[in-house]
Amino acid sequence: KGADKMSKLRCYERNYGREKLLQLVRIGREERKLEATGTEGISVKEIRLRDVLKEHYDASKKYIDGLHASIPGETVKKTFSIRNHLRLL
């Protein structure tokens, strides 16, 4: 399999020249880089820090509301405040 590829490359070099062979290698490398990232066709979305924090807060709020049933409110608020403060540092 590898010898077959090498013979094809030798034939390509003889037919088209060394410059075309180098160009073929460059194109192959660029295509492999694109395939490796898996990002072709994905649009870039700008996300603000404020939106990320809001989403995180909304998810935490559900968790806190679930704890209110079993732990007194002040304890939960204090615990959440301390944890939230430590994460932001």
C-alpha atoms as a PDB file:
ATOM      1  CA  LYS A   1       0.000   0.000   0.000  1.00  0.00           C
ATOM      2  CA  GLY A   2       2.780   2.433   0.928  1.00  0.00           C
ATOM      3  CA  ALA A   3       4.933   1.386  -2.022  1.00  0.00           C
ATOM      4  CA  ASP A   4       2.000   1.971  -4.352  1.00  0.00           C
ATOM      5  CA  LYS A   5       1.602   5.517  -3.048  1.00  0.00           C
ATOM      6  CA  MET A   6       5.324   6.183  -3.454  1.00  0.00           C
ATOM      7  CA  SER A   7       5.279   4.958  -7.046  1.00  0.00           C
ATOM      8  CA  LYS A   8       2.310   7.219  -7.789  1.00  0.00           C
ATOM      9  CA  LEU A   9       4.209  10.176  -6.328  1.00  0.00           C
ATOM     10  CA  ARG A  10       7.278   9.374  -8.438  1.00  0.00           C
ATOM     11  CA  CYS A  11       5.128   9.223 -11.578  1.00  0.00           C
ATOM     12  CA  TYR A  12       3.448  12.500 -10.625  1.00  0.00           C
ATOM     13  CA  GLU A  13       6.850  14.146 -10.142  1.00  0.00           C
ATOM     14  CA  ARG A  14       8.115  12.919 -13.522  1.00  0.00           C
ATOM     15  CA  ASN A  15       4.966  14.063 -15.328  1.00  0.00           C
ATOM     16  CA  TYR A  16       4.398  17.452 -13.685  1.00  0.00           C
ATOM     17  CA  GLY A  17       7.701  18.395 -12.064  1.00  0.00           C
ATOM     18  CA  ARG A  18       8.943  18.973  -8.546  1.00  0.00           C
ATOM     19  CA  GLU A  19       7.122  22.305  -8.048  1.00  0.00           C
ATOM     20  CA  LYS A  20       3.729  20.721  -8.739  1.00  0.00           C
ATOM     21  CA  LEU A  21       4.581  17.910  -6.327  1.00  0.00           C
ATOM     22  CA  LEU A  22       5.426  20.404  -3.567  1.00  0.00           C
ATOM     23  CA  GLN A  23       2.229  22.296  -4.295  1.00  0.00           C
ATOM     24  CA  LEU A  24       0.270  19.038  -4.000  1.00  0.00           C
ATOM     25  CA  VAL A  25       1.876  18.330  -0.618  1.00  0.00           C
ATOM     26  CA  ARG A  26       1.045  21.835   0.654  1.00  0.00           C
ATOM     27  CA  ILE A  27      -2.578  21.508  -0.395  1.00  0.00           C
ATOM     28  CA  GLY A  28      -2.797  18.108   1.309  1.00  0.00           C
ATOM     29  CA  ARG A  29      -1.393  19.516   4.547  1.00  0.00           C
ATOM     30  CA  GLU A  30      -3.855  22.416   4.543  1.00  0.00           C
ATOM     31  CA  GLU A  31      -6.777  20.059   3.987  1.00  0.00           C
ATOM     32  CA  ARG A  32      -5.623  17.795   6.814  1.00  0.00           C
ATOM     33  CA  LYS A  33      -5.372  20.764   9.177  1.00  0.00           C
ATOM     34  CA  LEU A  34      -8.960  21.712   8.386  1.00  0.00           C
ATOM     35  CA  GLU A  35     -10.146  18.143   8.892  1.00  0.00           C
ATOM     36  CA  ALA A  36      -8.287  17.816  12.173  1.00  0.00           C
ATOM     37  CA  THR A  37     -10.016  20.773  13.798  1.00  0.00           C
ATOM     38  CA  GLY A  38     -13.493  19.793  12.646  1.00  0.00           C
ATOM     39  CA  THR A  39     -14.496  23.452  12.567  1.00  0.00           C
ATOM     40  CA  GLU A  40     -15.186  23.946   8.881  1.00  0.00           C
ATOM     41  CA  GLY A  41     -18.741  25.080   8.296  1.00  0.00           C
ATOM     42  CA  ILE A  42     -19.289  26.190  11.896  1.00  0.00           C
ATOM     43  CA  SER A  43     -20.046  29.860  12.304  1.00  0.00           C
ATOM     44  CA  VAL A  44     -18.324  31.820  15.047  1.00  0.00           C
ATOM     45  CA  LYS A  45     -20.708  33.113  17.689  1.00  0.00           C
ATOM     46  CA  GLU A  46     -19.738  36.028  19.872  1.00  0.00           C
ATOM     47  CA  ILE A  47     -20.614  35.415  23.512  1.00  0.00           C
ATOM     48  CA  ARG A  48     -20.495  38.083  26.168  1.00  0.00           C
ATOM     49  CA  LEU A  49     -19.289  37.327  29.679  1.00  0.00           C
ATOM     50  CA  ARG A  50     -22.503  38.768  31.068  1.00  0.00           C
ATOM     51  CA  ASP A  51     -24.563  36.171  29.175  1.00  0.00           C
ATOM     52  CA  VAL A  52     -22.367  33.329  30.428  1.00  0.00           C
ATOM     53  CA  LEU A  53     -22.669  34.505  34.034  1.00  0.00           C
ATOM     54  CA  LYS A  54     -26.443  34.881  33.682  1.00  0.00           C
ATOM     55  CA  GLU A  55     -26.757  31.350  32.327  1.00  0.00           C
ATOM     56  CA  HIS A  56     -24.575  30.039  35.154  1.00  0.00           C
ATOM     57  CA  TYR A  57     -26.671  31.927  37.707  1.00  0.00           C
ATOM     58  CA  ASP A  58     -29.909  30.521  36.267  1.00  0.00           C
ATOM     59  CA  ALA A  59     -28.556  26.969  36.530  1.00  0.00           C
ATOM     60  CA  SER A  60     -27.365  27.600  40.101  1.00  0.00           C
ATOM     61  CA  LYS A  61     -30.707  29.135  41.052  1.00  0.00           C
ATOM     62  CA  LYS A  62     -32.516  25.869  40.232  1.00  0.00           C
ATOM     63  CA  TYR A  63     -30.054  24.000  42.435  1.00  0.00           C
ATOM     64  CA  ILE A  64     -30.494  26.477  45.282  1.00  0.00           C
ATOM     65  CA  ASP A  65     -34.283  26.347  45.051  1.00  0.00           C
ATOM     66  CA  GLY A  66     -34.081  22.568  45.426  1.00  0.00           C
ATOM     67  CA  LEU A  67     -31.983  22.937  48.579  1.00  0.00           C
ATOM     68  CA  HIS A  68     -34.382  25.398  50.198  1.00  0.00           C
ATOM     69  CA  ALA A  69     -36.747  22.529  50.972  1.00  0.00           C
ATOM     70  CA  SER A  70     -34.221  20.694  53.153  1.00  0.00           C
ATOM     71  CA  ILE A  71     -31.827  23.380  54.469  1.00  0.00           C
ATOM     72  CA  PRO A  72     -32.805  26.652  56.174  1.00  0.00           C
ATOM     73  CA  GLY A  73     -32.732  29.635  53.797  1.00  0.00           C
ATOM     74  CA  GLU A  74     -29.999  31.650  55.505  1.00  0.00           C
ATOM     75  CA  THR A  75     -27.551  28.744  55.445  1.00  0.00           C
ATOM     76  CA  VAL A  76     -28.095  28.183  51.726  1.00  0.00           C
ATOM     77  CA  LYS A  77     -27.720  31.872  50.919  1.00  0.00           C
ATOM     78  CA  LYS A  78     -24.493  32.129  52.886  1.00  0.00           C
ATOM     79  CA  THR A  79     -23.080  28.954  51.365  1.00  0.00           C
ATOM     80  CA  PHE A  80     -23.979  30.035  47.849  1.00  0.00           C
ATOM     81  CA  SER A  81     -22.542  33.505  48.424  1.00  0.00           C
ATOM     82  CA  ILE A  82     -19.217  32.099  49.614  1.00  0.00           C
ATOM     83  CA  ARG A  83     -18.989  29.550  46.777  1.00  0.00           C
ATOM     84  CA  ASN A  84     -19.937  32.140  44.171  1.00  0.00           C
ATOM     85  CA  HIS A  85     -17.360  34.598  45.523  1.00  0.00           C
ATOM     86  CA  LEU A  86     -14.596  31.958  45.454  1.00  0.00           C
ATOM     87  CA  ARG A  87     -15.386  30.987  41.843  1.00  0.00           C
ATOM     88  CA  LEU A  88     -15.182  34.574  40.628  1.00  0.00           C
ATOM     89  CA  LEU A  89     -11.734  35.064  42.181  1.00  0.00           C
END
